[in-house]
Amino acid sequence: MKKLSTLIICALFALSSCTTDSVQGPPGPPGPEGPSGVNGFIGTAIDVTGDFTEENFYTLSLFFDDIDLEVFESDAVLVYVKAADGQDSNGNSIEIFRALPQTYFFGDFTLQQNFDFTFEDVFIFLDGVNRDVLN
């Protein structure tokens, strides 16, 4: 009984301390301005084309030095695959992209499009698993 009365008192105190008639204080000072991009440069998009074949081990690669692109160790590289063609609200043709990795299921086989990157290169690859082999 003593524990129950303590719990009820704590609950009543918690509920009574929550009021909606508080007054908001004045806004604080503005924060410092963030760093500007290098000559306004924020990011870039690059099209990588090619086919996944047995000869290239189902891998596409892009070396940033080959296209004169500087990528820093702190940069993030994102890879998207064109998934389909669509239309915007005006009926104009647009491309639809999906971020990698993407996983596809074919009966007993699972295929994943994935990528890895460093500040020097990016590799896009297919990775597959036959689920019959796992059982």
N, C-alpha and C. Protein backbone atom coordinates (compact mmCIF):
# COMPACT_ATOMS: atom_id res chain seq x y z
N MET A 1 0.82 -1.18 0.00
CA MET A 1 0.00 0.00 0.00
C MET A 1 0.87 1.25 0.00
N LYS A 2 2.00 1.19 0.72
CA LYS A 2 2.89 2.33 0.79
C LYS A 2 3.49 2.64 -0.58
N LYS A 3 3.84 1.59 -1.36
CA LYS A 3 4.39 1.77 -2.71
C LYS A 3 3.34 2.37 -3.64
N LEU A 4 2.09 1.93 -3.50
CA LEU A 4 1.02 2.44 -4.35
C LEU A 4 0.77 3.92 -4.09
N SER A 5 0.75 4.32 -2.82
CA SER A 5 0.51 5.74 -2.50
C SER A 5 1.68 6.59 -2.97
N THR A 6 2.88 6.11 -2.89
CA THR A 6 4.05 6.84 -3.39
C THR A 6 3.96 7.01 -4.90
N LEU A 7 3.55 5.96 -5.61
CA LEU A 7 3.39 6.02 -7.05
C LEU A 7 2.32 7.02 -7.45
N ILE A 8 1.20 7.04 -6.73
CA ILE A 8 0.12 7.98 -7.04
C ILE A 8 0.57 9.41 -6.79
N ILE A 9 1.28 9.66 -5.73
CA ILE A 9 1.78 11.01 -5.43
C ILE A 9 2.75 11.48 -6.51
N CYS A 10 3.65 10.58 -6.92
CA CYS A 10 4.60 10.94 -7.99
C CYS A 10 3.88 11.23 -9.29
N ALA A 11 2.85 10.44 -9.62
CA ALA A 11 2.09 10.65 -10.85
C ALA A 11 1.35 11.98 -10.79
N LEU A 12 0.74 12.31 -9.67
CA LEU A 12 0.03 13.59 -9.53
C LEU A 12 1.00 14.77 -9.63
N PHE A 13 2.17 14.64 -9.03
CA PHE A 13 3.18 15.70 -9.12
C PHE A 13 3.63 15.90 -10.56
N ALA A 14 3.87 14.78 -11.27
CA ALA A 14 4.31 14.87 -12.67
C ALA A 14 3.25 15.52 -13.54
N LEU A 15 2.00 15.17 -13.33
CA LEU A 15 0.92 15.75 -14.13
C LEU A 15 0.69 17.22 -13.81
N SER A 16 0.84 17.59 -12.55
CA SER A 16 0.60 18.99 -12.18
C SER A 16 1.75 19.90 -12.60
N SER A 17 2.94 19.32 -12.83
CA SER A 17 4.06 20.16 -13.24
C SER A 17 4.05 20.45 -14.73
N CYS A 18 3.20 19.77 -15.50
CA CYS A 18 3.09 19.99 -16.94
C CYS A 18 1.96 20.98 -17.20
N THR A 19 2.29 22.20 -17.49
CA THR A 19 1.27 23.20 -17.78
C THR A 19 1.47 23.73 -19.19
N THR A 20 0.40 24.29 -19.74
CA THR A 20 0.47 24.84 -21.09
C THR A 20 0.44 26.36 -21.09
N ASP A 21 0.46 26.97 -19.94
CA ASP A 21 0.38 28.43 -19.88
C ASP A 21 1.76 29.06 -19.70
N SER A 22 2.79 28.44 -20.22
CA SER A 22 4.13 29.00 -20.11
C SER A 22 4.34 30.07 -21.18
N VAL A 23 5.32 30.92 -20.96
CA VAL A 23 5.62 32.01 -21.88
C VAL A 23 6.95 31.70 -22.54
N GLN A 24 6.98 31.82 -23.87
CA GLN A 24 8.22 31.55 -24.59
C GLN A 24 9.13 32.76 -24.46
N GLY A 25 10.40 32.48 -24.22
CA GLY A 25 11.38 33.55 -24.07
C GLY A 25 11.78 34.13 -25.42
N PRO A 26 12.62 35.15 -25.39
CA PRO A 26 13.05 35.78 -26.65
C PRO A 26 13.98 34.83 -27.41
N PRO A 27 14.06 34.98 -28.74
CA PRO A 27 14.95 34.12 -29.51
C PRO A 27 16.40 34.38 -29.16
N GLY A 28 17.21 33.35 -29.27
CA GLY A 28 18.63 33.47 -28.98
C GLY A 28 19.37 34.17 -30.12
N PRO A 29 20.65 34.41 -29.91
CA PRO A 29 21.43 35.07 -30.96
C PRO A 29 21.59 34.15 -32.16
N PRO A 30 21.75 34.72 -33.35
CA PRO A 30 21.92 33.87 -34.53
C PRO A 30 23.25 33.11 -34.47
N GLY A 31 23.24 31.92 -35.02
CA GLY A 31 24.46 31.11 -35.05
C GLY A 31 25.42 31.60 -36.11
N PRO A 32 26.63 31.06 -36.10
CA PRO A 32 27.62 31.49 -37.10
C PRO A 32 27.21 30.99 -38.49
N GLU A 33 27.63 31.71 -39.51
CA GLU A 33 27.35 31.31 -40.88
C GLU A 33 28.17 30.07 -41.21
N GLY A 34 27.55 29.12 -41.88
CA GLY A 34 28.24 27.89 -42.26
C GLY A 34 29.27 28.15 -43.35
N PRO A 35 30.16 27.20 -43.56
CA PRO A 35 31.19 27.39 -44.59
C PRO A 35 30.55 27.37 -45.98
N SER A 36 31.06 28.19 -46.86
CA SER A 36 30.55 28.19 -48.23
C SER A 36 31.24 27.09 -49.02
N GLY A 37 30.60 26.67 -50.09
CA GLY A 37 31.19 25.64 -50.94
C GLY A 37 32.37 26.21 -51.70
N VAL A 38 33.19 25.35 -52.26
CA VAL A 38 34.33 25.78 -53.04
C VAL A 38 33.80 26.35 -54.36
N ASN A 39 33.88 27.66 -54.51
CA ASN A 39 33.36 28.34 -55.70
C ASN A 39 31.92 27.92 -56.01
N GLY A 40 31.13 27.71 -54.95
CA GLY A 40 29.74 27.33 -55.14
C GLY A 40 29.54 25.88 -55.49
N PHE A 41 30.60 25.09 -55.55
CA PHE A 41 30.52 23.68 -55.93
C PHE A 41 30.04 22.86 -54.74
N ILE A 42 28.96 22.17 -54.90
CA ILE A 42 28.42 21.34 -53.83
C ILE A 42 28.54 19.86 -54.17
N GLY A 43 28.21 19.49 -55.38
CA GLY A 43 28.27 18.08 -55.77
C GLY A 43 28.21 17.96 -57.27
N THR A 44 28.31 16.75 -57.74
CA THR A 44 28.25 16.50 -59.18
C THR A 44 27.61 15.16 -59.42
N ALA A 45 27.07 15.00 -60.61
CA ALA A 45 26.50 13.72 -61.03
C ALA A 45 27.28 13.22 -62.24
N ILE A 46 27.56 11.94 -62.24
CA ILE A 46 28.34 11.32 -63.32
C ILE A 46 27.59 10.09 -63.79
N ASP A 47 27.43 9.95 -65.08
CA ASP A 47 26.82 8.75 -65.64
C ASP A 47 27.89 7.70 -65.89
N VAL A 48 27.67 6.53 -65.36
CA VAL A 48 28.56 5.39 -65.61
C VAL A 48 27.76 4.42 -66.46
N THR A 49 28.30 4.08 -67.60
CA THR A 49 27.60 3.15 -68.49
C THR A 49 28.44 1.90 -68.68
N GLY A 50 27.79 0.84 -69.02
CA GLY A 50 28.48 -0.41 -69.25
C GLY A 50 27.55 -1.57 -68.97
N ASP A 51 28.04 -2.75 -69.21
CA ASP A 51 27.27 -3.97 -68.99
C ASP A 51 27.98 -4.82 -67.95
N PHE A 52 27.19 -5.51 -67.14
CA PHE A 52 27.72 -6.48 -66.21
C PHE A 52 27.91 -7.79 -66.97
N THR A 53 29.16 -8.20 -67.12
CA THR A 53 29.45 -9.43 -67.85
C THR A 53 30.37 -10.31 -67.03
N GLU A 54 30.48 -11.55 -67.45
CA GLU A 54 31.39 -12.46 -66.77
C GLU A 54 32.83 -12.00 -66.93
N GLU A 55 33.15 -11.38 -68.10
CA GLU A 55 34.51 -10.91 -68.36
C GLU A 55 34.93 -9.80 -67.39
N ASN A 56 33.99 -8.93 -66.99
CA ASN A 56 34.35 -7.86 -66.04
C ASN A 56 33.93 -8.22 -64.61
N PHE A 57 33.69 -9.53 -64.39
CA PHE A 57 33.32 -10.05 -63.07
C PHE A 57 32.08 -9.36 -62.51
N TYR A 58 31.15 -8.99 -63.43
CA TYR A 58 29.89 -8.35 -63.06
C TYR A 58 30.13 -7.10 -62.22
N THR A 59 31.14 -6.32 -62.64
CA THR A 59 31.54 -5.11 -61.93
C THR A 59 31.76 -3.97 -62.92
N LEU A 60 31.30 -2.79 -62.56
CA LEU A 60 31.63 -1.56 -63.29
C LEU A 60 32.45 -0.70 -62.36
N SER A 61 33.44 -0.02 -62.90
CA SER A 61 34.30 0.80 -62.04
C SER A 61 34.47 2.19 -62.63
N LEU A 62 34.72 3.12 -61.74
CA LEU A 62 35.00 4.49 -62.12
C LEU A 62 36.13 4.99 -61.23
N PHE A 63 37.24 5.40 -61.85
CA PHE A 63 38.36 5.97 -61.11
C PHE A 63 38.27 7.48 -61.24
N PHE A 64 38.20 8.17 -60.13
CA PHE A 64 37.94 9.61 -60.12
C PHE A 64 39.05 10.40 -60.82
N ASP A 65 40.30 9.92 -60.76
CA ASP A 65 41.39 10.60 -61.46
C ASP A 65 41.18 10.59 -62.97
N ASP A 66 40.54 9.53 -63.49
CA ASP A 66 40.31 9.41 -64.93
C ASP A 66 39.38 10.50 -65.46
N ILE A 67 38.52 11.02 -64.59
CA ILE A 67 37.59 12.07 -65.03
C ILE A 67 37.91 13.41 -64.37
N ASP A 68 39.10 13.50 -63.79
CA ASP A 68 39.59 14.73 -63.17
C ASP A 68 38.61 15.25 -62.11
N LEU A 69 38.19 14.37 -61.22
CA LEU A 69 37.28 14.71 -60.13
C LEU A 69 37.98 14.48 -58.80
N GLU A 70 38.01 15.50 -57.96
CA GLU A 70 38.64 15.36 -56.66
C GLU A 70 37.58 14.97 -55.63
N VAL A 71 37.78 13.83 -54.99
CA VAL A 71 36.89 13.34 -53.95
C VAL A 71 37.71 13.24 -52.67
N PHE A 72 37.20 13.81 -51.60
CA PHE A 72 37.92 13.81 -50.33
C PHE A 72 37.52 12.59 -49.50
N GLU A 73 38.37 12.22 -48.56
CA GLU A 73 38.08 11.07 -47.70
C GLU A 73 36.80 11.28 -46.90
N SER A 74 36.43 12.52 -46.63
CA SER A 74 35.22 12.80 -45.85
C SER A 74 33.97 12.89 -46.73
N ASP A 75 34.11 12.78 -48.05
CA ASP A 75 32.97 12.87 -48.96
C ASP A 75 32.18 11.57 -48.96
N ALA A 76 30.91 11.70 -49.31
CA ALA A 76 30.04 10.53 -49.49
C ALA A 76 29.76 10.37 -50.97
N VAL A 77 29.85 9.16 -51.44
CA VAL A 77 29.54 8.84 -52.83
C VAL A 77 28.25 8.03 -52.83
N LEU A 78 27.27 8.47 -53.57
CA LEU A 78 25.99 7.78 -53.67
C LEU A 78 25.83 7.26 -55.09
N VAL A 79 25.25 6.09 -55.23
CA VAL A 79 25.07 5.49 -56.54
C VAL A 79 23.58 5.17 -56.72
N TYR A 80 23.07 5.58 -57.88
CA TYR A 80 21.67 5.33 -58.24
C TYR A 80 21.63 4.57 -59.54
N VAL A 81 20.60 3.75 -59.70
CA VAL A 81 20.40 3.00 -60.94
C VAL A 81 19.09 3.48 -61.56
N LYS A 82 19.12 3.63 -62.88
CA LYS A 82 17.89 4.01 -63.56
C LYS A 82 16.94 2.83 -63.52
N ALA A 83 15.78 3.03 -62.90
CA ALA A 83 14.83 1.94 -62.72
C ALA A 83 13.78 1.88 -63.82
N ALA A 84 13.39 3.06 -64.33
CA ALA A 84 12.32 3.09 -65.33
C ALA A 84 12.24 4.47 -65.95
N ASP A 85 11.40 4.57 -66.96
CA ASP A 85 11.03 5.86 -67.54
C ASP A 85 9.61 6.16 -67.10
N GLY A 86 9.34 7.41 -66.82
CA GLY A 86 8.01 7.81 -66.39
C GLY A 86 7.62 9.11 -67.05
N GLN A 87 6.56 9.71 -66.52
CA GLN A 87 6.09 11.00 -67.02
C GLN A 87 5.81 11.91 -65.85
N ASP A 88 6.11 13.21 -66.04
CA ASP A 88 5.76 14.18 -65.01
C ASP A 88 4.30 14.58 -65.18
N SER A 89 3.85 15.53 -64.37
CA SER A 89 2.44 15.92 -64.40
C SER A 89 2.04 16.58 -65.71
N ASN A 90 3.00 17.04 -66.50
CA ASN A 90 2.71 17.64 -67.80
C ASN A 90 2.82 16.64 -68.95
N GLY A 91 3.10 15.39 -68.64
CA GLY A 91 3.22 14.38 -69.69
C GLY A 91 4.61 14.29 -70.29
N ASN A 92 5.58 15.04 -69.75
CA ASN A 92 6.95 14.99 -70.25
C ASN A 92 7.65 13.74 -69.73
N SER A 93 8.51 13.18 -70.55
CA SER A 93 9.25 11.98 -70.16
C SER A 93 10.29 12.32 -69.10
N ILE A 94 10.36 11.51 -68.05
CA ILE A 94 11.37 11.67 -67.00
C ILE A 94 11.94 10.30 -66.65
N GLU A 95 13.17 10.30 -66.12
CA GLU A 95 13.81 9.06 -65.69
C GLU A 95 13.56 8.86 -64.20
N ILE A 96 13.36 7.62 -63.81
CA ILE A 96 13.13 7.27 -62.42
C ILE A 96 14.35 6.51 -61.92
N PHE A 97 14.93 6.97 -60.81
CA PHE A 97 16.14 6.36 -60.26
C PHE A 97 15.87 5.79 -58.88
N ARG A 98 16.63 4.74 -58.53
CA ARG A 98 16.60 4.14 -57.20
C ARG A 98 18.02 4.09 -56.66
N ALA A 99 18.14 4.31 -55.36
CA ALA A 99 19.45 4.26 -54.71
C ALA A 99 19.89 2.82 -54.52
N LEU A 100 21.18 2.58 -54.73
CA LEU A 100 21.73 1.26 -54.45
C LEU A 100 22.05 1.16 -52.97
N PRO A 101 21.95 -0.01 -52.38
CA PRO A 101 21.75 -1.32 -52.99
C PRO A 101 20.28 -1.59 -53.30
N GLN A 102 20.07 -2.44 -54.29
CA GLN A 102 18.76 -2.94 -54.68
C GLN A 102 18.83 -4.46 -54.71
N THR A 103 17.82 -5.10 -54.17
CA THR A 103 17.77 -6.55 -54.11
C THR A 103 16.62 -7.05 -54.97
N TYR A 104 16.89 -8.08 -55.75
CA TYR A 104 15.89 -8.68 -56.63
C TYR A 104 15.81 -10.17 -56.32
N PHE A 105 14.60 -10.72 -56.35
CA PHE A 105 14.38 -12.13 -56.05
C PHE A 105 13.85 -12.83 -57.29
N PHE A 106 14.52 -13.92 -57.67
CA PHE A 106 14.14 -14.73 -58.83
C PHE A 106 14.01 -16.18 -58.37
N GLY A 107 12.84 -16.58 -57.93
CA GLY A 107 12.65 -17.96 -57.46
C GLY A 107 13.60 -18.29 -56.33
N ASP A 108 14.56 -19.18 -56.61
CA ASP A 108 15.52 -19.59 -55.59
C ASP A 108 16.80 -18.78 -55.63
N PHE A 109 16.83 -17.74 -56.43
CA PHE A 109 18.05 -16.96 -56.59
C PHE A 109 17.81 -15.52 -56.15
N THR A 110 18.74 -14.95 -55.40
CA THR A 110 18.68 -13.56 -54.96
C THR A 110 19.84 -12.81 -55.60
N LEU A 111 19.54 -11.66 -56.19
CA LEU A 111 20.56 -10.83 -56.83
C LEU A 111 20.53 -9.45 -56.20
N GLN A 112 21.69 -8.94 -55.86
CA GLN A 112 21.77 -7.60 -55.29
C GLN A 112 22.72 -6.75 -56.11
N GLN A 113 22.26 -5.56 -56.50
CA GLN A 113 23.13 -4.55 -57.10
C GLN A 113 23.64 -3.71 -55.94
N ASN A 114 24.95 -3.59 -55.84
CA ASN A 114 25.53 -2.88 -54.71
C ASN A 114 26.75 -2.11 -55.19
N PHE A 115 27.38 -1.38 -54.29
CA PHE A 115 28.57 -0.62 -54.65
C PHE A 115 29.43 -0.42 -53.42
N ASP A 116 30.70 -0.14 -53.67
CA ASP A 116 31.60 0.34 -52.61
C ASP A 116 32.47 1.43 -53.22
N PHE A 117 33.01 2.26 -52.35
CA PHE A 117 33.80 3.38 -52.85
C PHE A 117 34.89 3.75 -51.88
N THR A 118 35.90 4.39 -52.41
CA THR A 118 36.94 5.08 -51.64
C THR A 118 37.00 6.49 -52.20
N PHE A 119 37.92 7.29 -51.72
CA PHE A 119 38.06 8.62 -52.29
C PHE A 119 38.77 8.58 -53.64
N GLU A 120 39.19 7.38 -54.08
CA GLU A 120 39.85 7.23 -55.37
C GLU A 120 38.96 6.62 -56.45
N ASP A 121 37.96 5.80 -56.04
CA ASP A 121 37.19 5.07 -57.04
C ASP A 121 35.85 4.63 -56.47
N VAL A 122 35.00 4.16 -57.38
CA VAL A 122 33.73 3.54 -56.99
C VAL A 122 33.56 2.28 -57.84
N PHE A 123 33.11 1.21 -57.21
CA PHE A 123 32.85 -0.06 -57.89
C PHE A 123 31.38 -0.41 -57.70
N ILE A 124 30.72 -0.68 -58.81
CA ILE A 124 29.33 -1.11 -58.80
C ILE A 124 29.34 -2.58 -59.20
N PHE A 125 28.67 -3.41 -58.43
CA PHE A 125 28.79 -4.84 -58.69
C PHE A 125 27.48 -5.57 -58.42
N LEU A 126 27.38 -6.76 -59.01
CA LEU A 126 26.26 -7.66 -58.78
C LEU A 126 26.72 -8.74 -57.81
N ASP A 127 25.87 -9.04 -56.86
CA ASP A 127 26.16 -10.06 -55.87
C ASP A 127 24.96 -10.99 -55.82
N GLY A 128 25.17 -12.28 -56.01
CA GLY A 128 24.04 -13.20 -56.05
C GLY A 128 24.21 -14.39 -55.14
N VAL A 129 23.06 -14.90 -54.69
CA VAL A 129 23.06 -16.08 -53.83
C VAL A 129 21.98 -17.03 -54.33
N ASN A 130 22.35 -18.29 -54.53
CA ASN A 130 21.39 -19.33 -54.84
C ASN A 130 20.94 -19.91 -53.50
N ARG A 131 19.68 -19.70 -53.13
CA ARG A 131 19.20 -20.13 -51.82
C ARG A 131 19.16 -21.64 -51.67
N ASP A 132 19.12 -22.40 -52.78
CA ASP A 132 19.16 -23.87 -52.69
C ASP A 132 20.50 -24.33 -52.12
N VAL A 133 21.56 -23.60 -52.44
CA VAL A 133 22.89 -23.95 -51.94
C VAL A 133 22.97 -23.74 -50.44
N LEU A 134 22.24 -22.77 -49.92
CA LEU A 134 22.29 -22.47 -48.48
C LEU A 134 21.56 -23.50 -47.64
N ASN A 135 20.62 -24.21 -48.22
CA ASN A 135 19.84 -25.20 -47.44
C ASN A 135 20.52 -26.52 -47.33
